[in-house]
Amino acid sequence: MKMFSKDGIEMMEVKSIQQDGSNLLMKGKIMGSMATSIVIKPEDCWQALKLIGWKLLLRMPAILFQGYRRASTANSK
């Protein structure tokens, strides 16, 4: 998964997200060159949920399905 700035510049490429005990471990590259491992604690996940808000959280299944369809279409071309 890649994350981009509004200008289309690649900011981070996430290679994997795994469980590490009670935490999540996200591995990737920042700015295309700096390898990094980011630890996300359960309380950080809760804070992220507060940032997302309930309205967006309820919309997430539709967003995920839309992403699945776009990825499937891109892979079949």
PDB file of N, CA and C in Angstrom:
ATOM      1  N   MET A   1       0.857  -1.162   0.000  1.00  0.00           N
ATOM      2  CA  MET A   1       0.000   0.000   0.000  1.00  0.00           C
ATOM      3  C   MET A   1       0.904   1.226   0.000  1.00  0.00           C
ATOM      4  N   LYS A   2       0.576   2.183  -0.839  1.00  0.00           N
ATOM      5  CA  LYS A   2       1.345   3.423  -0.895  1.00  0.00           C
ATOM      6  C   LYS A   2       0.474   4.581  -0.436  1.00  0.00           C
ATOM      7  N   MET A   3       1.100   5.533   0.251  1.00  0.00           N
ATOM      8  CA  MET A   3       0.419   6.746   0.687  1.00  0.00           C
ATOM      9  C   MET A   3       1.088   7.926   0.001  1.00  0.00           C
ATOM     10  N   PHE A   4       0.260   8.827  -0.530  1.00  0.00           N
ATOM     11  CA  PHE A   4       0.762   9.953  -1.300  1.00  0.00           C
ATOM     12  C   PHE A   4       0.334  11.271  -0.678  1.00  0.00           C
ATOM     13  N   SER A   5       1.124  12.326  -0.945  1.00  0.00           N
ATOM     14  CA  SER A   5       0.721  13.676  -0.553  1.00  0.00           C
ATOM     15  C   SER A   5      -0.342  14.159  -1.536  1.00  0.00           C
ATOM     16  N   LYS A   6      -0.942  15.297  -1.252  1.00  0.00           N
ATOM     17  CA  LYS A   6      -1.938  15.865  -2.167  1.00  0.00           C
ATOM     18  C   LYS A   6      -1.331  16.160  -3.535  1.00  0.00           C
ATOM     19  N   ASP A   7      -0.009  16.364  -3.572  1.00  0.00           N
ATOM     20  CA  ASP A   7       0.687  16.672  -4.823  1.00  0.00           C
ATOM     21  C   ASP A   7       1.062  15.424  -5.609  1.00  0.00           C
ATOM     22  N   GLY A   8       0.715  14.241  -5.078  1.00  0.00           N
ATOM     23  CA  GLY A   8       1.028  12.994  -5.769  1.00  0.00           C
ATOM     24  C   GLY A   8       2.405  12.440  -5.469  1.00  0.00           C
ATOM     25  N   ILE A   9       3.090  13.002  -4.490  1.00  0.00           N
ATOM     26  CA  ILE A   9       4.422  12.530  -4.114  1.00  0.00           C
ATOM     27  C   ILE A   9       4.267  11.366  -3.146  1.00  0.00           C
ATOM     28  N   GLU A  10       4.979  10.266  -3.429  1.00  0.00           N
ATOM     29  CA  GLU A  10       4.904   9.095  -2.554  1.00  0.00           C
ATOM     30  C   GLU A  10       5.564   9.414  -1.214  1.00  0.00           C
ATOM     31  N   MET A  11       4.799   9.287  -0.145  1.00  0.00           N
ATOM     32  CA  MET A  11       5.307   9.580   1.191  1.00  0.00           C
ATOM     33  C   MET A  11       5.734   8.315   1.920  1.00  0.00           C
ATOM     34  N   MET A  12       4.944   7.247   1.773  1.00  0.00           N
ATOM     35  CA  MET A  12       5.262   5.999   2.468  1.00  0.00           C
ATOM     36  C   MET A  12       4.701   4.824   1.699  1.00  0.00           C
ATOM     37  N   GLU A  13       5.483   3.751   1.667  1.00  0.00           N
ATOM     38  CA  GLU A  13       5.018   2.484   1.118  1.00  0.00           C
ATOM     39  C   GLU A  13       4.990   1.484   2.264  1.00  0.00           C
ATOM     40  N   VAL A  14       3.810   0.976   2.579  1.00  0.00           N
ATOM     41  CA  VAL A  14       3.648   0.001   3.653  1.00  0.00           C
ATOM     42  C   VAL A  14       3.806  -1.388   3.048  1.00  0.00           C
ATOM     43  N   LYS A  15       4.781  -2.145   3.564  1.00  0.00           N
ATOM     44  CA  LYS A  15       5.052  -3.497   3.061  1.00  0.00           C
ATOM     45  C   LYS A  15       4.234  -4.542   3.808  1.00  0.00           C
ATOM     46  N   SER A  16       4.049  -4.348   5.122  1.00  0.00           N
ATOM     47  CA  SER A  16       3.288  -5.328   5.905  1.00  0.00           C
ATOM     48  C   SER A  16       2.780  -4.696   7.191  1.00  0.00           C
ATOM     49  N   ILE A  17       1.683  -5.266   7.692  1.00  0.00           N
ATOM     50  CA  ILE A  17       1.153  -4.926   9.015  1.00  0.00           C
ATOM     51  C   ILE A  17       0.897  -6.255   9.701  1.00  0.00           C
ATOM     52  N   GLN A  18       1.594  -6.486  10.816  1.00  0.00           N
ATOM     53  CA  GLN A  18       1.503  -7.759  11.525  1.00  0.00           C
ATOM     54  C   GLN A  18       1.227  -7.513  13.000  1.00  0.00           C
ATOM     55  N   GLN A  19       0.701  -8.548  13.636  1.00  0.00           N
ATOM     56  CA  GLN A  19       0.509  -8.479  15.080  1.00  0.00           C
ATOM     57  C   GLN A  19       1.825  -8.815  15.757  1.00  0.00           C
ATOM     58  N   ASP A  20       2.193  -8.036  16.758  1.00  0.00           N
ATOM     59  CA  ASP A  20       3.406  -8.254  17.542  1.00  0.00           C
ATOM     60  C   ASP A  20       3.002  -8.178  19.011  1.00  0.00           C
ATOM     61  N   GLY A  21       2.599  -9.313  19.570  1.00  0.00           N
ATOM     62  CA  GLY A  21       2.041  -9.319  20.921  1.00  0.00           C
ATOM     63  C   GLY A  21       0.706  -8.598  20.895  1.00  0.00           C
ATOM     64  N   SER A  22       0.559  -7.576  21.746  1.00  0.00           N
ATOM     65  CA  SER A  22      -0.694  -6.815  21.749  1.00  0.00           C
ATOM     66  C   SER A  22      -0.618  -5.594  20.824  1.00  0.00           C
ATOM     67  N   ASN A  23       0.526  -5.398  20.182  1.00  0.00           N
ATOM     68  CA  ASN A  23       0.721  -4.257  19.288  1.00  0.00           C
ATOM     69  C   ASN A  23       0.602  -4.677  17.826  1.00  0.00           C
ATOM     70  N   LEU A  24       0.542  -3.694  16.949  1.00  0.00           N
ATOM     71  CA  LEU A  24       0.666  -3.921  15.514  1.00  0.00           C
ATOM     72  C   LEU A  24       2.039  -3.420  15.093  1.00  0.00           C
ATOM     73  N   LEU A  25       2.676  -4.126  14.166  1.00  0.00           N
ATOM     74  CA  LEU A  25       3.980  -3.737  13.650  1.00  0.00           C
ATOM     75  C   LEU A  25       3.825  -3.466  12.159  1.00  0.00           C
ATOM     76  N   MET A  26       4.068  -2.225  11.762  1.00  0.00           N
ATOM     77  CA  MET A  26       3.943  -1.829  10.363  1.00  0.00           C
ATOM     78  C   MET A  26       5.343  -1.607   9.809  1.00  0.00           C
ATOM     79  N   LYS A  27       5.667  -2.331   8.731  1.00  0.00           N
ATOM     80  CA  LYS A  27       6.978  -2.198   8.098  1.00  0.00           C
ATOM     81  C   LYS A  27       6.806  -1.556   6.738  1.00  0.00           C
ATOM     82  N   GLY A  28       7.757  -0.697   6.381  1.00  0.00           N
ATOM     83  CA  GLY A  28       7.674  -0.039   5.089  1.00  0.00           C
ATOM     84  C   GLY A  28       8.857   0.862   4.837  1.00  0.00           C
ATOM     85  N   LYS A  29       8.687   1.738   3.842  1.00  0.00           N
ATOM     86  CA  LYS A  29       9.710   2.712   3.475  1.00  0.00           C
ATOM     87  C   LYS A  29       9.088   4.098   3.484  1.00  0.00           C
ATOM     88  N   ILE A  30       9.826   5.044   4.048  1.00  0.00           N
ATOM     89  CA  ILE A  30       9.394   6.435   4.068  1.00  0.00           C
ATOM     90  C   ILE A  30      10.166   7.184   2.990  1.00  0.00           C
ATOM     91  N   MET A  31       9.455   7.972   2.200  1.00  0.00           N
ATOM     92  CA  MET A  31      10.047   8.781   1.133  1.00  0.00           C
ATOM     93  C   MET A  31      10.852   7.942   0.137  1.00  0.00           C
ATOM     94  N   GLY A  32      10.469   6.684  -0.030  1.00  0.00           N
ATOM     95  CA  GLY A  32      11.088   5.824  -1.026  1.00  0.00           C
ATOM     96  C   GLY A  32      12.442   5.263  -0.678  1.00  0.00           C
ATOM     97  N   SER A  33      13.014   5.628   0.480  1.00  0.00           N
ATOM     98  CA  SER A  33      14.363   5.146   0.760  1.00  0.00           C
ATOM     99  C   SER A  33      14.616   4.713   2.199  1.00  0.00           C
ATOM    100  N   MET A  34      13.952   5.295   3.166  1.00  0.00           N
ATOM    101  CA  MET A  34      14.231   4.989   4.572  1.00  0.00           C
ATOM    102  C   MET A  34      13.352   3.846   5.058  1.00  0.00           C
ATOM    103  N   ALA A  35      13.968   2.658   5.246  1.00  0.00           N
ATOM    104  CA  ALA A  35      13.222   1.522   5.790  1.00  0.00           C
ATOM    105  C   ALA A  35      12.853   1.828   7.239  1.00  0.00           C
ATOM    106  N   THR A  36      11.648   1.441   7.632  1.00  0.00           N
ATOM    107  CA  THR A  36      11.194   1.734   8.988  1.00  0.00           C
ATOM    108  C   THR A  36      10.257   0.652   9.498  1.00  0.00           C
ATOM    109  N   SER A  37      10.225   0.499  10.806  1.00  0.00           N
ATOM    110  CA  SER A  37       9.255  -0.353  11.493  1.00  0.00           C
ATOM    111  C   SER A  37       8.534   0.532  12.499  1.00  0.00           C
ATOM    112  N   ILE A  38       7.225   0.562  12.412  1.00  0.00           N
ATOM    113  CA  ILE A  38       6.421   1.429  13.271  1.00  0.00           C
ATOM    114  C   ILE A  38       5.564   0.560  14.179  1.00  0.00           C
ATOM    115  N   VAL A  39       5.650   0.790  15.485  1.00  0.00           N
ATOM    116  CA  VAL A  39       4.858   0.054  16.466  1.00  0.00           C
ATOM    117  C   VAL A  39       3.594   0.854  16.753  1.00  0.00           C
ATOM    118  N   ILE A  40       2.452   0.195  16.617  1.00  0.00           N
ATOM    119  CA  ILE A  40       1.164   0.830  16.896  1.00  0.00           C
ATOM    120  C   ILE A  40       0.545   0.108  18.087  1.00  0.00           C
ATOM    121  N   LYS A  41       0.420   0.817  19.199  1.00  0.00           N
ATOM    122  CA  LYS A  41      -0.112   0.237  20.431  1.00  0.00           C
ATOM    123  C   LYS A  41      -1.639   0.254  20.406  1.00  0.00           C
ATOM    124  N   PRO A  42      -2.282  -0.587  21.232  1.00  0.00           N
ATOM    125  CA  PRO A  42      -3.749  -0.597  21.268  1.00  0.00           C
ATOM    126  C   PRO A  42      -4.352   0.783  21.537  1.00  0.00           C
ATOM    127  N   GLU A  43      -3.736   1.555  22.417  1.00  0.00           N
ATOM    128  CA  GLU A  43      -4.270   2.891  22.704  1.00  0.00           C
ATOM    129  C   GLU A  43      -4.122   3.815  21.491  1.00  0.00           C
ATOM    130  N   ASP A  44      -3.097   3.567  20.650  1.00  0.00           N
ATOM    131  CA  ASP A  44      -2.947   4.342  19.418  1.00  0.00           C
ATOM    132  C   ASP A  44      -4.056   3.994  18.426  1.00  0.00           C
ATOM    133  N   CYS A  45      -4.427   2.711  18.383  1.00  0.00           N
ATOM    134  CA  CYS A  45      -5.546   2.294  17.521  1.00  0.00           C
ATOM    135  C   CYS A  45      -6.827   2.992  17.958  1.00  0.00           C
ATOM    136  N   TRP A  46      -7.022   3.102  19.259  1.00  0.00           N
ATOM    137  CA  TRP A  46      -8.208   3.775  19.784  1.00  0.00           C
ATOM    138  C   TRP A  46      -8.198   5.256  19.405  1.00  0.00           C
ATOM    139  N   GLN A  47      -7.033   5.899  19.497  1.00  0.00           N
ATOM    140  CA  GLN A  47      -6.908   7.303  19.101  1.00  0.00           C
ATOM    141  C   GLN A  47      -7.187   7.472  17.603  1.00  0.00           C
ATOM    142  N   ALA A  48      -6.726   6.509  16.792  1.00  0.00           N
ATOM    143  CA  ALA A  48      -6.991   6.559  15.348  1.00  0.00           C
ATOM    144  C   ALA A  48      -8.488   6.477  15.084  1.00  0.00           C
ATOM    145  N   LEU A  49      -9.180   5.650  15.848  1.00  0.00           N
ATOM    146  CA  LEU A  49     -10.630   5.536  15.696  1.00  0.00           C
ATOM    147  C   LEU A  49     -11.305   6.872  15.991  1.00  0.00           C
ATOM    148  N   LYS A  50     -10.810   7.583  16.997  1.00  0.00           N
ATOM    149  CA  LYS A  50     -11.361   8.903  17.305  1.00  0.00           C
ATOM    150  C   LYS A  50     -11.115   9.881  16.159  1.00  0.00           C
ATOM    151  N   LEU A  51      -9.958   9.767  15.489  1.00  0.00           N
ATOM    152  CA  LEU A  51      -9.654  10.636  14.352  1.00  0.00           C
ATOM    153  C   LEU A  51     -10.563  10.333  13.166  1.00  0.00           C
ATOM    154  N   ILE A  52     -10.855   9.051  12.965  1.00  0.00           N
ATOM    155  CA  ILE A  52     -11.687   8.633  11.841  1.00  0.00           C
ATOM    156  C   ILE A  52     -13.136   9.051  12.063  1.00  0.00           C
ATOM    157  N   GLY A  53     -13.641   8.848  13.247  1.00  0.00           N
ATOM    158  CA  GLY A  53     -15.029   9.180  13.560  1.00  0.00           C
ATOM    159  C   GLY A  53     -15.977   8.064  13.144  1.00  0.00           C
ATOM    160  N   TRP A  54     -17.136   8.037  13.778  1.00  0.00           N
ATOM    161  CA  TRP A  54     -18.100   6.953  13.551  1.00  0.00           C
ATOM    162  C   TRP A  54     -18.702   6.984  12.156  1.00  0.00           C
ATOM    163  N   LYS A  55     -18.941   8.171  11.623  1.00  0.00           N
ATOM    164  CA  LYS A  55     -19.544   8.277  10.294  1.00  0.00           C
ATOM    165  C   LYS A  55     -18.647   7.617   9.241  1.00  0.00           C
ATOM    166  N   LEU A  56     -17.352   7.931   9.282  1.00  0.00           N
ATOM    167  CA  LEU A  56     -16.415   7.329   8.333  1.00  0.00           C
ATOM    168  C   LEU A  56     -16.220   5.846   8.620  1.00  0.00           C
ATOM    169  N   LEU A  57     -16.193   5.466   9.882  1.00  0.00           N
ATOM    170  CA  LEU A  57     -16.039   4.056  10.241  1.00  0.00           C
ATOM    171  C   LEU A  57     -17.181   3.222   9.660  1.00  0.00           C
ATOM    172  N   LEU A  58     -18.396   3.744   9.727  1.00  0.00           N
ATOM    173  CA  LEU A  58     -19.541   3.030   9.165  1.00  0.00           C
ATOM    174  C   LEU A  58     -19.480   2.969   7.638  1.00  0.00           C
ATOM    175  N   ARG A  59     -18.791   3.904   7.032  1.00  0.00           N
ATOM    176  CA  ARG A  59     -18.644   3.936   5.575  1.00  0.00           C
ATOM    177  C   ARG A  59     -17.482   3.063   5.092  1.00  0.00           C
ATOM    178  N   MET A  60     -16.619   2.605   5.988  1.00  0.00           N
ATOM    179  CA  MET A  60     -15.423   1.839   5.612  1.00  0.00           C
ATOM    180  C   MET A  60     -15.705   0.589   4.776  1.00  0.00           C
ATOM    181  N   PRO A  61     -16.725  -0.219   5.070  1.00  0.00           N
ATOM    182  CA  PRO A  61     -16.965  -1.383   4.200  1.00  0.00           C
ATOM    183  C   PRO A  61     -17.172  -0.987   2.737  1.00  0.00           C
ATOM    184  N   ALA A  62     -17.880   0.097   2.490  1.00  0.00           N
ATOM    185  CA  ALA A  62     -18.092   0.553   1.110  1.00  0.00           C
ATOM    186  C   ALA A  62     -16.782   1.032   0.489  1.00  0.00           C
ATOM    187  N   ILE A  63     -15.957   1.725   1.264  1.00  0.00           N
ATOM    188  CA  ILE A  63     -14.663   2.198   0.770  1.00  0.00           C
ATOM    189  C   ILE A  63     -13.757   1.008   0.455  1.00  0.00           C
ATOM    190  N   LEU A  64     -13.741   0.008   1.341  1.00  0.00           N
ATOM    191  CA  LEU A  64     -12.921  -1.184   1.103  1.00  0.00           C
ATOM    192  C   LEU A  64     -13.384  -1.935  -0.138  1.00  0.00           C
ATOM    193  N   PHE A  65     -14.683  -2.055  -0.332  1.00  0.00           N
ATOM    194  CA  PHE A  65     -15.208  -2.739  -1.512  1.00  0.00           C
ATOM    195  C   PHE A  65     -14.838  -1.980  -2.785  1.00  0.00           C
ATOM    196  N   GLN A  66     -14.925  -0.671  -2.737  1.00  0.00           N
ATOM    197  CA  GLN A  66     -14.549   0.153  -3.889  1.00  0.00           C
ATOM    198  C   GLN A  66     -13.062  -0.041  -4.212  1.00  0.00           C
ATOM    199  N   GLY A  67     -12.216  -0.095  -3.192  1.00  0.00           N
ATOM    200  CA  GLY A  67     -10.792  -0.346  -3.395  1.00  0.00           C
ATOM    201  C   GLY A  67     -10.535  -1.719  -3.983  1.00  0.00           C
ATOM    202  N   TYR A  68     -11.280  -2.714  -3.507  1.00  0.00           N
ATOM    203  CA  TYR A  68     -11.160  -4.079  -4.033  1.00  0.00           C
ATOM    204  C   TYR A  68     -11.506  -4.105  -5.522  1.00  0.00           C
ATOM    205  N   ARG A  69     -12.596  -3.447  -5.890  1.00  0.00           N
ATOM    206  CA  ARG A  69     -13.017  -3.436  -7.300  1.00  0.00           C
ATOM    207  C   ARG A  69     -11.990  -2.736  -8.178  1.00  0.00           C
ATOM    208  N   ARG A  70     -11.456  -1.606  -7.718  1.00  0.00           N
ATOM    209  CA  ARG A  70     -10.450  -0.878  -8.506  1.00  0.00           C
ATOM    210  C   ARG A  70      -9.174  -1.706  -8.659  1.00  0.00           C
ATOM    211  N   ALA A  71      -8.743  -2.371  -7.573  1.00  0.00           N
ATOM    212  CA  ALA A  71      -7.537  -3.200  -7.635  1.00  0.00           C
ATOM    213  C   ALA A  71      -7.752  -4.391  -8.557  1.00  0.00           C
ATOM    214  N   SER A  72      -8.930  -5.001  -8.512  1.00  0.00           N
ATOM    215  CA  SER A  72      -9.236  -6.139  -9.381  1.00  0.00           C
ATOM    216  C   SER A  72      -9.236  -5.721 -10.844  1.00  0.00           C
ATOM    217  N   THR A  73      -9.801  -4.560 -11.131  1.00  0.00           N
ATOM    218  CA  THR A  73      -9.833  -4.051 -12.502  1.00  0.00           C
ATOM    219  C   THR A  73      -8.423  -3.737 -12.995  1.00  0.00           C
ATOM    220  N   ALA A  74      -7.604  -3.130 -12.135  1.00  0.00           N
ATOM    221  CA  ALA A  74      -6.231  -2.781 -12.513  1.00  0.00           C
ATOM    222  C   ALA A  74      -5.391  -4.033 -12.753  1.00  0.00           C
ATOM    223  N   ASN A  75      -5.611  -5.083 -11.964  1.00  0.00           N
ATOM    224  CA  ASN A  75      -4.837  -6.319 -12.107  1.00  0.00           C
ATOM    225  C   ASN A  75      -5.245  -7.112 -13.337  1.00  0.00           C
ATOM    226  N   SER A  76      -6.479  -6.962 -13.788  1.00  0.00           N
ATOM    227  CA  SER A  76      -6.952  -7.733 -14.939  1.00  0.00           C
ATOM    228  C   SER A  76      -6.550  -7.094 -16.270  1.00  0.00           C
ATOM    229  N   LYS A  77      -6.055  -5.865 -16.241  1.00  0.00           N
ATOM    230  CA  LYS A  77      -5.659  -5.180 -17.489  1.00  0.00           C
ATOM    231  C   LYS A  77      -4.271  -5.555 -17.915  1.00  0.00           C
TER     232      LYS A  77
END
